[in-house]
Amino acid sequence: MVEVSVIKNDEQLDEALKEIDRLIDCEEGSPEEEKLHVMSLIVADYEERFHPIGMPHPIEVIELRMEDRHLKLTDLIKLIGEEFPITAVLNRKQKLDLLLIRRLSEVLQIPIEVLAQDYEL
């Protein structure tokens, strides 16, 4: 078995991921399961520090949530209200404003911090 240690570079990350893949179906309660758990934590820590995943683009999140819920633009307008300029926002002609951010967060269950971040049109 590969020894569990701190990951210092991407080569070691690749090796750790291979070992995790090997251990993924290990028996519950076994020493391998403990090793799998510890290695997963070490990999997560390394990836968070050296390969952080940024916030998704607000418009892409709205579009994805619409797709997940099988919503058309007309459906979304009915849900949030016609007074909101959602068409211009989705066409990237206008940025989200605070009221629309709040309404979309409420209706589509998207975290406000995702919608409120600054982004390019």
N, C-alpha and C. Protein backbone atom coordinates (compact mmCIF):
# COMPACT_ATOMS: atom_id res chain seq x y z
N MET A 1 0.83 -1.20 0.00
CA MET A 1 0.00 0.00 0.00
C MET A 1 0.87 1.25 0.00
N VAL A 2 0.35 2.30 -0.61
CA VAL A 2 1.04 3.59 -0.64
C VAL A 2 0.90 4.23 0.73
N GLU A 3 1.99 4.83 1.19
CA GLU A 3 1.98 5.49 2.49
C GLU A 3 1.18 6.80 2.41
N VAL A 4 0.44 7.10 3.44
CA VAL A 4 -0.34 8.33 3.50
C VAL A 4 0.58 9.44 4.00
N SER A 5 0.65 10.53 3.21
CA SER A 5 1.47 11.67 3.63
C SER A 5 0.92 12.94 2.99
N VAL A 6 1.48 14.04 3.38
CA VAL A 6 1.08 15.33 2.84
C VAL A 6 1.41 15.38 1.35
N ILE A 7 0.53 15.96 0.57
CA ILE A 7 0.75 16.11 -0.87
C ILE A 7 1.45 17.43 -1.10
N LYS A 8 2.60 17.37 -1.80
CA LYS A 8 3.41 18.56 -2.01
C LYS A 8 3.42 19.06 -3.45
N ASN A 9 2.95 18.23 -4.39
CA ASN A 9 2.95 18.64 -5.79
C ASN A 9 1.90 17.85 -6.56
N ASP A 10 1.71 18.22 -7.82
CA ASP A 10 0.68 17.59 -8.64
C ASP A 10 0.98 16.12 -8.95
N GLU A 11 2.26 15.76 -9.02
CA GLU A 11 2.62 14.36 -9.23
C GLU A 11 2.12 13.50 -8.06
N GLN A 12 2.35 14.00 -6.86
CA GLN A 12 1.89 13.29 -5.68
C GLN A 12 0.36 13.27 -5.63
N LEU A 13 -0.26 14.32 -6.10
CA LEU A 13 -1.72 14.36 -6.17
C LEU A 13 -2.23 13.25 -7.09
N ASP A 14 -1.61 13.11 -8.26
CA ASP A 14 -2.02 12.06 -9.20
C ASP A 14 -1.88 10.68 -8.57
N GLU A 15 -0.79 10.44 -7.86
CA GLU A 15 -0.58 9.15 -7.20
C GLU A 15 -1.65 8.91 -6.13
N ALA A 16 -1.95 9.95 -5.37
CA ALA A 16 -2.96 9.83 -4.32
C ALA A 16 -4.33 9.54 -4.93
N LEU A 17 -4.65 10.17 -6.05
CA LEU A 17 -5.94 9.93 -6.71
C LEU A 17 -6.03 8.50 -7.24
N LYS A 18 -4.92 7.98 -7.74
CA LYS A 18 -4.89 6.58 -8.18
C LYS A 18 -5.15 5.63 -7.00
N GLU A 19 -4.53 5.94 -5.88
CA GLU A 19 -4.71 5.10 -4.69
C GLU A 19 -6.15 5.20 -4.18
N ILE A 20 -6.73 6.37 -4.21
CA ILE A 20 -8.13 6.54 -3.80
C ILE A 20 -9.03 5.72 -4.73
N ASP A 21 -8.75 5.78 -6.01
CA ASP A 21 -9.53 5.01 -6.98
C ASP A 21 -9.44 3.51 -6.69
N ARG A 22 -8.26 3.05 -6.30
CA ARG A 22 -8.06 1.65 -5.97
C ARG A 22 -8.83 1.25 -4.71
N LEU A 23 -8.90 2.17 -3.76
CA LEU A 23 -9.52 1.88 -2.46
C LEU A 23 -11.03 2.14 -2.42
N ILE A 24 -11.57 2.75 -3.45
CA ILE A 24 -12.94 3.27 -3.38
C ILE A 24 -13.99 2.22 -3.02
N ASP A 25 -13.78 0.97 -3.39
CA ASP A 25 -14.75 -0.08 -3.10
C ASP A 25 -14.32 -0.98 -1.95
N CYS A 26 -13.48 -0.45 -1.07
CA CYS A 26 -12.97 -1.27 0.03
C CYS A 26 -14.10 -1.62 1.02
N GLU A 27 -13.80 -2.61 1.82
CA GLU A 27 -14.77 -3.09 2.79
C GLU A 27 -14.98 -2.08 3.92
N GLU A 28 -16.23 -1.89 4.27
CA GLU A 28 -16.57 -0.96 5.35
C GLU A 28 -15.96 -1.44 6.66
N GLY A 29 -15.35 -0.50 7.38
CA GLY A 29 -14.74 -0.81 8.67
C GLY A 29 -13.33 -1.37 8.57
N SER A 30 -12.83 -1.51 7.36
CA SER A 30 -11.48 -2.06 7.16
C SER A 30 -10.42 -0.97 7.32
N PRO A 31 -9.15 -1.38 7.50
CA PRO A 31 -8.06 -0.39 7.53
C PRO A 31 -7.98 0.41 6.22
N GLU A 32 -8.35 -0.25 5.11
CA GLU A 32 -8.35 0.45 3.82
C GLU A 32 -9.36 1.58 3.79
N GLU A 33 -10.50 1.37 4.45
CA GLU A 33 -11.51 2.42 4.50
C GLU A 33 -10.98 3.63 5.27
N GLU A 34 -10.28 3.37 6.35
CA GLU A 34 -9.68 4.48 7.13
C GLU A 34 -8.66 5.22 6.27
N LYS A 35 -7.84 4.47 5.55
CA LYS A 35 -6.85 5.09 4.67
C LYS A 35 -7.54 5.91 3.59
N LEU A 36 -8.60 5.37 3.01
CA LEU A 36 -9.37 6.08 1.99
C LEU A 36 -9.88 7.41 2.53
N HIS A 37 -10.42 7.38 3.73
CA HIS A 37 -10.95 8.60 4.34
C HIS A 37 -9.85 9.64 4.54
N VAL A 38 -8.72 9.22 5.10
CA VAL A 38 -7.61 10.15 5.36
C VAL A 38 -7.06 10.70 4.05
N MET A 39 -6.87 9.83 3.07
CA MET A 39 -6.34 10.30 1.78
C MET A 39 -7.31 11.28 1.11
N SER A 40 -8.59 11.03 1.22
CA SER A 40 -9.58 11.94 0.64
C SER A 40 -9.49 13.32 1.26
N LEU A 41 -9.29 13.36 2.56
CA LEU A 41 -9.14 14.66 3.25
C LEU A 41 -7.88 15.38 2.80
N ILE A 42 -6.78 14.63 2.66
CA ILE A 42 -5.51 15.23 2.23
C ILE A 42 -5.63 15.76 0.80
N VAL A 43 -6.25 15.00 -0.08
CA VAL A 43 -6.44 15.44 -1.47
C VAL A 43 -7.34 16.68 -1.52
N ALA A 44 -8.42 16.66 -0.77
CA ALA A 44 -9.33 17.81 -0.75
C ALA A 44 -8.61 19.07 -0.27
N ASP A 45 -7.77 18.93 0.75
CA ASP A 45 -7.02 20.08 1.26
C ASP A 45 -6.06 20.61 0.20
N TYR A 46 -5.32 19.72 -0.46
CA TYR A 46 -4.38 20.15 -1.50
C TYR A 46 -5.11 20.85 -2.65
N GLU A 47 -6.19 20.24 -3.11
CA GLU A 47 -6.93 20.82 -4.23
C GLU A 47 -7.53 22.17 -3.87
N GLU A 48 -8.00 22.31 -2.64
CA GLU A 48 -8.57 23.59 -2.20
C GLU A 48 -7.50 24.68 -2.18
N ARG A 49 -6.28 24.32 -1.77
CA ARG A 49 -5.20 25.31 -1.68
C ARG A 49 -4.57 25.63 -3.03
N PHE A 50 -4.38 24.61 -3.88
CA PHE A 50 -3.62 24.82 -5.10
C PHE A 50 -4.42 24.77 -6.40
N HIS A 51 -5.64 24.26 -6.34
CA HIS A 51 -6.49 24.19 -7.52
C HIS A 51 -7.93 24.56 -7.13
N PRO A 52 -8.10 25.76 -6.56
CA PRO A 52 -9.45 26.11 -6.10
C PRO A 52 -10.41 26.26 -7.28
N ILE A 53 -11.63 25.87 -7.03
CA ILE A 53 -12.67 26.02 -8.03
C ILE A 53 -13.37 27.34 -7.77
N GLY A 54 -13.37 28.20 -8.77
CA GLY A 54 -14.00 29.51 -8.62
C GLY A 54 -15.52 29.42 -8.64
N MET A 55 -16.12 30.53 -8.38
CA MET A 55 -17.58 30.60 -8.42
C MET A 55 -18.05 30.49 -9.86
N PRO A 56 -19.15 29.82 -10.09
CA PRO A 56 -19.69 29.74 -11.44
C PRO A 56 -20.27 31.08 -11.88
N HIS A 57 -20.32 31.30 -13.18
CA HIS A 57 -20.89 32.54 -13.72
C HIS A 57 -22.39 32.58 -13.40
N PRO A 58 -22.88 33.70 -12.87
CA PRO A 58 -24.28 33.79 -12.46
C PRO A 58 -25.28 33.43 -13.56
N ILE A 59 -25.04 33.88 -14.78
CA ILE A 59 -25.98 33.62 -15.86
C ILE A 59 -25.99 32.13 -16.20
N GLU A 60 -24.82 31.51 -16.18
CA GLU A 60 -24.75 30.07 -16.45
C GLU A 60 -25.49 29.27 -15.39
N VAL A 61 -25.43 29.72 -14.16
CA VAL A 61 -26.14 29.03 -13.07
C VAL A 61 -27.65 29.16 -13.27
N ILE A 62 -28.10 30.34 -13.65
CA ILE A 62 -29.54 30.55 -13.91
C ILE A 62 -29.98 29.63 -15.05
N GLU A 63 -29.21 29.61 -16.13
CA GLU A 63 -29.56 28.77 -17.28
C GLU A 63 -29.57 27.29 -16.91
N LEU A 64 -28.60 26.87 -16.12
CA LEU A 64 -28.54 25.48 -15.69
C LEU A 64 -29.74 25.12 -14.82
N ARG A 65 -30.09 26.01 -13.90
CA ARG A 65 -31.24 25.75 -13.03
C ARG A 65 -32.53 25.71 -13.85
N MET A 66 -32.63 26.58 -14.85
CA MET A 66 -33.80 26.55 -15.73
C MET A 66 -33.87 25.21 -16.47
N GLU A 67 -32.72 24.76 -16.96
CA GLU A 67 -32.67 23.48 -17.68
C GLU A 67 -33.04 22.32 -16.74
N ASP A 68 -32.49 22.33 -15.53
CA ASP A 68 -32.79 21.28 -14.55
C ASP A 68 -34.28 21.19 -14.24
N ARG A 69 -34.92 22.34 -14.22
CA ARG A 69 -36.35 22.38 -13.89
C ARG A 69 -37.25 22.42 -15.12
N HIS A 70 -36.64 22.27 -16.28
CA HIS A 70 -37.38 22.27 -17.56
C HIS A 70 -38.21 23.55 -17.72
N LEU A 71 -37.58 24.68 -17.39
CA LEU A 71 -38.26 25.97 -17.50
C LEU A 71 -37.86 26.67 -18.79
N LYS A 72 -38.83 27.20 -19.48
CA LYS A 72 -38.58 28.07 -20.62
C LYS A 72 -38.53 29.49 -20.08
N LEU A 73 -38.09 30.42 -20.91
CA LEU A 73 -38.03 31.82 -20.50
C LEU A 73 -39.40 32.31 -20.04
N THR A 74 -40.44 31.94 -20.76
CA THR A 74 -41.80 32.38 -20.38
C THR A 74 -42.19 31.83 -19.01
N ASP A 75 -41.77 30.60 -18.70
CA ASP A 75 -42.05 30.02 -17.38
C ASP A 75 -41.34 30.81 -16.29
N LEU A 76 -40.07 31.16 -16.55
CA LEU A 76 -39.30 31.91 -15.56
C LEU A 76 -39.91 33.29 -15.32
N ILE A 77 -40.32 33.93 -16.38
CA ILE A 77 -40.95 35.26 -16.24
C ILE A 77 -42.20 35.17 -15.38
N LYS A 78 -42.99 34.12 -15.57
CA LYS A 78 -44.19 33.94 -14.74
C LYS A 78 -43.81 33.73 -13.28
N LEU A 79 -42.73 33.00 -13.04
CA LEU A 79 -42.31 32.72 -11.66
C LEU A 79 -41.76 33.94 -10.94
N ILE A 80 -40.96 34.74 -11.66
CA ILE A 80 -40.31 35.87 -10.98
C ILE A 80 -41.09 37.17 -11.12
N GLY A 81 -41.94 37.25 -12.12
CA GLY A 81 -42.71 38.48 -12.34
C GLY A 81 -42.22 39.22 -13.57
N GLU A 82 -43.14 39.77 -14.30
CA GLU A 82 -42.81 40.46 -15.55
C GLU A 82 -42.04 41.76 -15.35
N GLU A 83 -42.06 42.30 -14.14
CA GLU A 83 -41.38 43.57 -13.91
C GLU A 83 -39.85 43.45 -13.89
N PHE A 84 -39.35 42.21 -13.86
CA PHE A 84 -37.90 42.01 -13.83
C PHE A 84 -37.35 41.82 -15.24
N PRO A 85 -36.20 42.45 -15.54
CA PRO A 85 -35.63 42.41 -16.90
C PRO A 85 -34.83 41.15 -17.17
N ILE A 86 -35.42 39.98 -16.95
CA ILE A 86 -34.67 38.73 -17.07
C ILE A 86 -34.20 38.45 -18.49
N THR A 87 -34.96 38.84 -19.50
CA THR A 87 -34.56 38.60 -20.89
C THR A 87 -33.25 39.33 -21.20
N ALA A 88 -33.16 40.58 -20.81
CA ALA A 88 -31.94 41.37 -21.05
C ALA A 88 -30.76 40.78 -20.29
N VAL A 89 -31.02 40.28 -19.09
CA VAL A 89 -29.95 39.68 -18.28
C VAL A 89 -29.45 38.39 -18.94
N LEU A 90 -30.37 37.52 -19.34
CA LEU A 90 -29.97 36.25 -19.96
C LEU A 90 -29.30 36.45 -21.31
N ASN A 91 -29.65 37.54 -21.99
CA ASN A 91 -28.99 37.87 -23.26
C ASN A 91 -27.69 38.65 -23.04
N ARG A 92 -27.32 38.83 -21.79
CA ARG A 92 -26.08 39.51 -21.38
C ARG A 92 -26.00 40.94 -21.90
N LYS A 93 -27.15 41.61 -21.86
CA LYS A 93 -27.21 43.02 -22.23
C LYS A 93 -27.33 43.90 -20.99
N GLN A 94 -27.66 43.27 -19.87
CA GLN A 94 -27.84 43.98 -18.62
C GLN A 94 -27.41 43.06 -17.48
N LYS A 95 -26.82 43.66 -16.45
CA LYS A 95 -26.41 42.87 -15.28
C LYS A 95 -27.58 42.70 -14.32
N LEU A 96 -27.44 41.70 -13.49
CA LEU A 96 -28.44 41.47 -12.44
C LEU A 96 -28.44 42.64 -11.47
N ASP A 97 -29.61 43.07 -11.03
CA ASP A 97 -29.69 44.08 -9.98
C ASP A 97 -30.10 43.38 -8.68
N LEU A 98 -30.05 44.11 -7.59
CA LEU A 98 -30.28 43.52 -6.28
C LEU A 98 -31.66 42.88 -6.15
N LEU A 99 -32.71 43.55 -6.63
CA LEU A 99 -34.05 42.98 -6.53
C LEU A 99 -34.19 41.68 -7.33
N LEU A 100 -33.60 41.65 -8.52
CA LEU A 100 -33.66 40.45 -9.35
C LEU A 100 -32.83 39.33 -8.72
N ILE A 101 -31.69 39.67 -8.15
CA ILE A 101 -30.86 38.67 -7.45
C ILE A 101 -31.67 38.02 -6.34
N ARG A 102 -32.33 38.84 -5.54
CA ARG A 102 -33.13 38.31 -4.44
C ARG A 102 -34.26 37.41 -4.94
N ARG A 103 -34.93 37.86 -5.99
CA ARG A 103 -36.07 37.10 -6.53
C ARG A 103 -35.61 35.77 -7.14
N LEU A 104 -34.54 35.80 -7.93
CA LEU A 104 -34.01 34.57 -8.53
C LEU A 104 -33.51 33.60 -7.46
N SER A 105 -32.87 34.13 -6.45
CA SER A 105 -32.39 33.28 -5.36
C SER A 105 -33.55 32.56 -4.69
N GLU A 106 -34.61 33.30 -4.47
CA GLU A 106 -35.80 32.74 -3.83
C GLU A 106 -36.50 31.70 -4.72
N VAL A 107 -36.71 32.04 -5.97
CA VAL A 107 -37.48 31.19 -6.88
C VAL A 107 -36.68 29.98 -7.37
N LEU A 108 -35.41 30.21 -7.71
CA LEU A 108 -34.60 29.13 -8.28
C LEU A 108 -33.70 28.45 -7.25
N GLN A 109 -33.73 28.93 -6.02
CA GLN A 109 -32.90 28.36 -4.96
C GLN A 109 -31.40 28.39 -5.32
N ILE A 110 -30.96 29.56 -5.77
CA ILE A 110 -29.54 29.79 -6.09
C ILE A 110 -28.99 30.67 -4.98
N PRO A 111 -27.84 30.31 -4.41
CA PRO A 111 -27.27 31.14 -3.34
C PRO A 111 -27.03 32.58 -3.81
N ILE A 112 -27.38 33.51 -2.96
CA ILE A 112 -27.23 34.94 -3.29
C ILE A 112 -25.79 35.27 -3.64
N GLU A 113 -24.81 34.65 -2.95
CA GLU A 113 -23.40 34.98 -3.23
C GLU A 113 -22.99 34.60 -4.65
N VAL A 114 -23.63 33.61 -5.24
CA VAL A 114 -23.35 33.24 -6.63
C VAL A 114 -23.91 34.31 -7.56
N LEU A 115 -25.14 34.75 -7.32
CA LEU A 115 -25.78 35.73 -8.18
C LEU A 115 -25.22 37.13 -7.99
N ALA A 116 -24.75 37.45 -6.79
CA ALA A 116 -24.32 38.82 -6.49
C ALA A 116 -22.88 39.12 -6.89
N GLN A 117 -22.13 38.12 -7.30
CA GLN A 117 -20.73 38.38 -7.68
C GLN A 117 -20.67 39.22 -8.95
N ASP A 118 -19.58 39.96 -9.08
CA ASP A 118 -19.39 40.77 -10.28
C ASP A 118 -19.03 39.85 -11.45
N TYR A 119 -19.46 40.19 -12.63
CA TYR A 119 -19.17 39.36 -13.80
C TYR A 119 -19.19 40.22 -15.05
N GLU A 120 -18.58 39.68 -16.10
CA GLU A 120 -18.56 40.35 -17.40
C GLU A 120 -19.84 40.01 -18.15
N LEU A 121 -20.33 40.95 -18.94
CA LEU A 121 -21.52 40.69 -19.75
C LEU A 121 -21.21 39.83 -20.93
